[in-house]
Structures are given as structure tokens and as C-alpha cells.
């Protein structure tokens, strides 16, 4: 489940909270917030378990991932898949407490989540697939607040914000393992972008901020939203300047720090309702 490294849960959950906040105009149903948070932990845990099974042979060859339970042989493939299925079902049951539409939206993303590990073998830019899939939670957040799946432009602006934010942080993340990936023949954003990675990271920041600003304009938020979104973009820009993409520790620290962008967008979504 990677509970010892909760950044992944945060990155999955926050787009859902952005849209939930704007949809509810910050008159939130606290039960829905709790359900979204618990379900995010379980969906991410199920995804990790499936990923560990599919990638067990690759993980065993990479120092950073060789100790993962399936790769290390401490948990069997069958038990890992059973654990994944239990989490997947439990998350949908929890979301159904909010409304059945939210459970259906998240459940529809499951086949895409399972397909993600195979993208590393078939698709040179599998980060784009990841970005498409995990930001479904932005749709789920809106549905949790409204019970509707007829999404307005606001939601697609937030989805775009999350999509390009995912491309940003997953590109930084992939630089940790680029030498291992190169040696074992696995594709990654780090290898695809190479020395132009920082230029691409700057593009992703601009597009992510643009998506959030578009969402705010469509939702009629106040000036505080737009100011905070710009500040969030400045933070990511600082991280790009600071990171050493050839140093795995620097990449990891930047990956973890980038979650503050998501928290600032959430604060913006709340503040924009009042200011």
C-alpha cells in the first residue's frame, strides 16, 4: 500500500478535493470528504499491489524497488492480487456511501489503472497514461458533491491542471531510476526528454497553472484563487531551478515537495469562494 510513503495518496486525492471544494462552494458534506480520502488510500494501495505483481521482475533489478514485497518474494503473487481486489472493492463500497455515481466513475478507471504497468513496455510516454487515469479523481470529486456526471468546463480545467501536474511530478520521479531503466530497456519520461527535461517541466507548469486559472474563471472564483494559483506555479518553478536531475535524492526530495502545489490549489479553491 506504500503507507510509509503517502505522497502518492496525496497526489491522487488532491484533484478530487479541488473539484469537490468548487462544486460544494465550501459547504461540504464531511462524510463525503472522509469517504473520498479513505477511498483514495485504498485505490492507491490496490494500484500499488497490482503494479508490484506486474513489475516484480523489473523491480527486482532496481535497487530502489528490489525490497518491495512481491519482488523480494515475501508476499506471493496470489496474495498480492487478493489484497488488491479487496482494496478495490472496499473503496467502491465506501464511495457508494456518498452516491453510486461516484463509485461508478472511480470503478470505470480500474481497467486503466491495471493497464498502466504495461504501458512501460508498450508506450514510451507512459506518464501521460498515468496522468489521464489518476486525475479521474477530479471527476469523482465533482460527482461526490453534486451526484452528476454532466461535467461543466470548471471540472475539465481542474482535470487539465492535474494532468499536467502529474506529467511534472512523474517526470521528476522517473529521473531517479533512469540509469536502471536504460540498462534494462524500460521507457520513461526521463529517457525520452533527456537533457531537455527542465524545458518540458517548465511547459507542464505553465499548462497546469493555465488549467487551474481557466477553472477558476469558469467557476467565478474571487481574486484570491488566481493569486494563489500563480504562487503555486512559482513554487514549482523554483523546484525546477533547484533540482539536480542527475541526483536521485534531489529528484526524490523535489517529487515530495511538489505536493505543496496541490495543497495551495486546494487552499485557493476554498479562499476563492470568499475573496
Protein backbone atom coordinates (compact mmCIF):
# COMPACT_ATOMS: atom_id res chain seq x y z
CA UNK A 1 0.00 0.00 0.00
CA UNK A 2 3.07 2.27 0.37
CA UNK A 3 1.62 3.74 3.57
CA UNK A 4 5.17 4.61 4.56
CA UNK A 5 5.30 6.93 1.50
CA UNK A 6 1.96 8.78 1.50
CA UNK A 7 2.89 11.32 -1.18
CA UNK A 8 1.26 9.12 -3.82
CA UNK A 9 -2.06 9.20 -1.94
CA UNK A 10 -1.88 12.99 -1.68
CA UNK A 11 -1.21 13.35 -5.41
CA UNK A 12 -4.22 11.14 -6.20
CA UNK A 13 -6.59 12.67 -3.66
CA UNK A 14 -5.98 16.41 -4.10
CA UNK A 15 -7.53 16.84 -7.60
CA UNK A 16 -10.67 15.26 -6.17
CA UNK A 17 -10.70 17.72 -3.30
CA UNK A 18 -10.16 20.66 -5.68
CA UNK A 19 -13.27 19.85 -7.66
CA UNK A 20 -15.25 18.84 -4.58
CA UNK A 21 -14.47 22.22 -2.99
CA UNK A 22 -15.57 24.23 -6.02
CA UNK A 23 -18.68 22.11 -6.57
CA UNK A 24 -19.83 22.35 -2.97
CA UNK A 25 -18.94 26.06 -2.74
CA UNK A 26 -17.25 25.04 0.51
CA UNK A 27 -20.37 23.86 2.20
CA UNK A 28 -19.00 20.35 2.24
CA UNK A 29 -20.53 17.14 3.45
CA UNK A 30 -17.80 15.98 5.85
CA UNK A 31 -18.79 12.34 5.36
CA UNK A 32 -18.12 12.73 1.64
CA UNK A 33 -14.68 14.24 2.34
CA UNK A 34 -13.79 11.35 4.65
CA UNK A 35 -15.04 8.79 2.12
CA UNK A 36 -13.03 10.38 -0.69
CA UNK A 37 -9.90 10.33 1.47
CA UNK A 38 -10.25 6.72 2.62
CA UNK A 39 -11.12 5.53 -0.88
CA UNK A 40 -8.05 7.33 -2.28
CA UNK A 41 -5.83 5.38 0.13
CA UNK A 42 -7.42 2.10 -0.92
CA UNK A 43 -7.39 2.78 -4.68
CA UNK A 44 -3.75 3.78 -4.49
CA UNK A 45 -3.00 0.68 -2.39
CA UNK A 46 -4.73 -1.59 -4.89
CA UNK A 47 -2.85 0.05 -7.76
CA UNK A 48 0.47 -0.43 -5.98
CA UNK A 49 -0.25 -4.10 -5.33
CA UNK A 50 -1.16 -4.74 -8.97
CA UNK A 51 1.86 -2.75 -10.13
CA UNK A 52 4.14 -4.79 -7.86
CA UNK A 53 2.85 -8.03 -9.33
CA UNK A 54 3.21 -6.96 -12.95
CA UNK A 55 6.59 -5.30 -12.38
CA UNK A 56 8.07 -7.86 -9.99
CA UNK A 57 10.86 -8.93 -12.36
CA UNK A 58 11.77 -5.32 -13.21
CA UNK A 59 11.58 -4.20 -9.57
CA UNK A 60 13.99 -6.96 -8.58
CA UNK A 61 16.64 -5.41 -10.84
CA UNK A 62 16.37 -1.87 -9.45
CA UNK A 63 18.00 -1.05 -6.11
CA UNK A 64 15.23 1.34 -5.03
CA UNK A 65 12.43 -1.21 -5.64
CA UNK A 66 14.13 -4.58 -5.03
CA UNK A 67 12.81 -4.73 -1.45
CA UNK A 68 9.16 -4.43 -2.48
CA UNK A 69 7.32 -7.46 -1.07
CA UNK A 70 6.44 -9.26 -4.31
CA UNK A 71 9.81 -8.58 -5.94
CA UNK A 72 11.59 -9.76 -2.78
CA UNK A 73 9.40 -12.87 -2.56
CA UNK A 74 7.99 -12.11 0.90
CA UNK A 75 4.41 -11.99 -0.45
CA UNK A 76 3.10 -14.33 -3.13
CA UNK A 77 1.53 -13.12 -6.35
CA UNK A 78 -1.80 -14.71 -5.41
CA UNK A 79 -1.97 -13.00 -2.03
CA UNK A 80 -0.96 -9.66 -3.53
CA UNK A 81 -3.74 -9.87 -6.12
CA UNK A 82 -6.27 -10.88 -3.47
CA UNK A 83 -5.21 -7.90 -1.36
CA UNK A 84 -5.53 -5.61 -4.39
CA UNK A 85 -9.02 -6.90 -5.18
CA UNK A 86 -10.15 -6.45 -1.56
CA UNK A 87 -8.99 -2.84 -1.53
CA UNK A 88 -10.59 -2.11 -4.90
CA UNK A 89 -13.97 -3.46 -3.81
CA UNK A 90 -13.79 -1.75 -0.41
CA UNK A 91 -13.04 1.62 -1.98
CA UNK A 92 -16.12 1.40 -4.23
CA UNK A 93 -18.30 0.39 -1.28
CA UNK A 94 -17.07 3.43 0.64
CA UNK A 95 -17.65 5.77 -2.29
CA UNK A 96 -21.14 4.36 -2.74
CA UNK A 97 -21.93 5.76 0.72
CA UNK A 98 -21.59 9.18 -0.93
CA UNK A 99 -23.51 8.28 -4.07
CA UNK A 100 -23.43 5.47 -6.60
CA UNK A 101 -22.34 7.80 -9.41
CA UNK A 102 -19.02 8.50 -7.69
CA UNK A 103 -18.39 4.79 -7.22
CA UNK A 104 -19.12 4.18 -10.91
CA UNK A 105 -16.75 6.94 -12.04
CA UNK A 106 -13.87 5.55 -10.00
CA UNK A 107 -14.70 1.95 -10.87
CA UNK A 108 -14.59 2.82 -14.57
CA UNK A 109 -10.95 3.85 -14.12
CA UNK A 110 -9.86 0.48 -12.71
CA UNK A 111 -9.09 -1.21 -16.06
CA UNK A 112 -6.95 1.82 -16.99
CA UNK A 113 -5.08 1.62 -13.69
CA UNK A 114 -4.37 -2.08 -14.24
CA UNK A 115 -3.13 -1.34 -17.76
CA UNK A 116 -0.66 1.30 -16.55
CA UNK A 117 2.27 -1.04 -15.75
CA UNK A 118 2.05 -2.50 -19.25
CA UNK A 119 2.41 0.99 -20.71
CA UNK A 120 6.03 0.95 -19.52
CA UNK A 121 6.64 -1.80 -22.04
CA UNK A 122 4.46 -0.61 -24.92
CA UNK A 123 4.31 3.17 -24.72
CA UNK A 124 7.38 5.45 -24.48
CA UNK A 125 5.48 8.16 -22.61
CA UNK A 126 3.59 6.14 -20.03
CA UNK A 127 3.49 9.17 -17.72
CA UNK A 128 0.77 10.56 -19.99
CA UNK A 129 -1.31 7.43 -19.41
CA UNK A 130 -0.81 7.79 -15.67
CA UNK A 131 -1.87 11.44 -15.85
CA UNK A 132 -5.04 10.53 -17.75
CA UNK A 133 -6.01 7.87 -15.24
CA UNK A 134 -5.25 9.24 -11.79
CA UNK A 135 -6.88 12.58 -12.47
CA UNK A 136 -10.22 10.82 -12.86
CA UNK A 137 -10.45 11.68 -9.18
CA UNK A 138 -11.10 15.29 -10.22
CA UNK A 139 -14.26 14.00 -11.89
CA UNK A 140 -15.08 11.88 -8.86
CA UNK A 141 -14.79 14.86 -6.52
CA UNK A 142 -17.32 16.86 -8.54
CA UNK A 143 -19.69 13.89 -8.70
CA UNK A 144 -19.36 13.34 -4.94
CA UNK A 145 -20.53 16.92 -4.35
CA UNK A 146 -23.27 17.06 -6.97
CA UNK A 147 -24.28 13.50 -7.84
CA UNK A 148 -23.95 14.43 -11.54
CA UNK A 149 -21.65 13.32 -14.32
CA UNK A 150 -22.56 16.13 -16.73
CA UNK A 151 -19.34 17.97 -16.02
CA UNK A 152 -19.03 21.74 -16.65
CA UNK A 153 -15.88 23.40 -18.06
CA UNK A 154 -14.69 24.03 -14.48
CA UNK A 155 -14.05 20.32 -13.99
CA UNK A 156 -12.11 19.97 -17.23
CA UNK A 157 -9.95 22.93 -16.23
CA UNK A 158 -9.11 21.18 -12.96
CA UNK A 159 -8.57 17.91 -14.82
CA UNK A 160 -6.11 19.69 -17.13
CA UNK A 161 -4.38 21.22 -14.12
CA UNK A 162 -3.98 17.79 -12.56
CA UNK A 163 -2.96 16.17 -15.86
CA UNK A 164 -0.02 18.48 -16.45
CA UNK A 165 0.89 18.47 -12.75
CA UNK A 166 1.15 14.66 -12.97
CA UNK A 167 3.39 14.97 -16.02
CA UNK A 168 5.56 17.32 -13.99
CA UNK A 169 5.99 15.19 -10.89
CA UNK A 170 6.20 11.85 -12.68
CA UNK A 171 8.94 13.18 -14.96
CA UNK A 172 10.95 14.28 -11.93
CA UNK A 173 10.26 10.92 -10.25
CA UNK A 174 11.42 8.96 -13.30
CA UNK A 175 14.84 10.63 -13.22
CA UNK A 176 15.63 8.64 -10.06
CA UNK A 177 15.80 5.37 -12.00
CA UNK A 178 16.88 6.48 -15.45
CA UNK A 179 20.18 4.59 -15.42
CA UNK A 180 18.47 1.37 -14.35
CA UNK A 181 15.71 1.94 -16.92
CA UNK A 182 18.28 2.45 -19.65
CA UNK A 183 20.15 -0.73 -18.73
CA UNK A 184 17.06 -2.97 -18.59
CA UNK A 185 15.28 -1.42 -21.57
CA UNK A 186 12.33 0.25 -19.81
CA UNK A 187 11.00 3.52 -21.22
CA UNK A 188 10.47 6.63 -19.12
CA UNK A 189 9.90 10.37 -19.38
CA UNK A 190 13.43 10.92 -18.10
CA UNK A 191 14.92 8.97 -21.01
CA UNK A 192 12.52 10.43 -23.57
CA UNK A 193 13.15 14.08 -22.62
CA UNK A 194 16.81 13.66 -21.72
CA UNK A 195 18.70 16.93 -21.34
CA UNK A 196 15.63 18.94 -22.35
CA UNK A 197 13.70 17.70 -19.29
CA UNK A 198 13.75 21.04 -17.47
CA UNK A 199 12.33 22.83 -20.51
CA UNK A 200 9.49 20.32 -20.62
CA UNK A 201 8.93 20.69 -16.88
CA UNK A 202 8.52 24.44 -17.40
CA UNK A 203 5.92 23.79 -20.11
CA UNK A 204 4.00 21.44 -17.82
CA UNK A 205 3.96 24.07 -15.07
CA UNK A 206 2.58 26.71 -17.42
CA UNK A 207 -0.15 24.40 -18.73
CA UNK A 208 -1.10 23.19 -15.25
CA UNK A 209 -1.43 26.75 -13.96
CA UNK A 210 -3.40 27.70 -17.08
CA UNK A 211 -5.84 24.84 -16.45
CA UNK A 212 -6.42 25.96 -12.88
CA UNK A 213 -6.91 29.60 -13.88
CA UNK A 214 -9.41 28.55 -16.55
CA UNK A 215 -11.30 26.50 -13.95
CA UNK A 216 -11.37 29.48 -11.60
CA UNK A 217 -12.65 31.80 -14.30
CA UNK A 218 -15.41 29.36 -15.23
CA UNK A 219 -16.39 28.93 -11.58
CA UNK A 220 -16.42 32.66 -10.93
CA UNK A 221 -13.92 32.49 -8.06
CA UNK A 222 -12.51 35.61 -6.42
CA UNK A 223 -9.08 37.18 -6.83
CA UNK A 224 -7.55 35.07 -4.04
CA UNK A 225 -7.92 31.94 -6.17
CA UNK A 226 -5.98 33.39 -9.08
CA UNK A 227 -3.25 34.86 -6.88
CA UNK A 228 -2.67 31.61 -5.03
CA UNK A 229 -2.61 29.58 -8.25
CA UNK A 230 0.10 31.85 -9.62
CA UNK A 231 2.03 31.43 -6.34
CA UNK A 232 1.72 27.66 -6.71
CA UNK A 233 3.22 27.92 -10.20
CA UNK A 234 6.10 29.98 -8.83
CA UNK A 235 6.76 27.25 -6.26
CA UNK A 236 7.03 24.59 -8.96
CA UNK A 237 9.28 26.85 -11.00
CA UNK A 238 11.59 27.21 -8.00
CA UNK A 239 11.69 23.43 -7.63
CA UNK A 240 12.69 23.05 -11.28
CA UNK A 241 15.54 25.52 -10.87
CA UNK A 242 16.73 23.80 -7.70
CA UNK A 243 16.52 20.12 -8.68
CA UNK A 244 19.54 18.18 -9.89
CA UNK A 245 18.03 15.63 -12.24
CA UNK A 246 21.19 13.52 -12.11
CA UNK A 247 20.94 13.12 -8.32
CA UNK A 248 18.29 10.57 -7.23
CA UNK A 249 17.97 12.13 -3.76
CA UNK A 250 17.40 15.58 -5.23
CA UNK A 251 14.74 14.11 -7.53
CA UNK A 252 13.01 12.37 -4.64
CA UNK A 253 13.05 15.50 -2.47
CA UNK A 254 11.60 17.53 -5.34
CA UNK A 255 8.93 14.92 -6.01
CA UNK A 256 7.85 15.01 -2.36
CA UNK A 257 7.97 18.83 -2.17
CA UNK A 258 5.83 19.26 -5.27
CA UNK A 259 2.77 18.11 -3.30
CA UNK A 260 2.62 21.61 -1.80
CA UNK A 261 1.45 22.79 -5.23
CA UNK A 262 -1.65 20.64 -4.82
CA UNK A 263 -2.31 21.90 -1.30
CA UNK A 264 -2.01 25.51 -2.45
CA UNK A 265 -4.54 24.87 -5.23
CA UNK A 266 -6.90 23.39 -2.63
CA UNK A 267 -6.47 26.46 -0.39
CA UNK A 268 -7.11 28.61 -3.47
CA UNK A 269 -10.33 26.73 -4.22
CA UNK A 270 -11.55 27.42 -0.69
CA UNK A 271 -10.34 31.03 -0.45
CA UNK A 272 -11.76 31.83 -3.88
CA UNK A 273 -15.26 31.19 -2.54
CA UNK A 274 -14.93 34.11 -0.15
CA UNK A 275 -12.36 36.56 -1.55
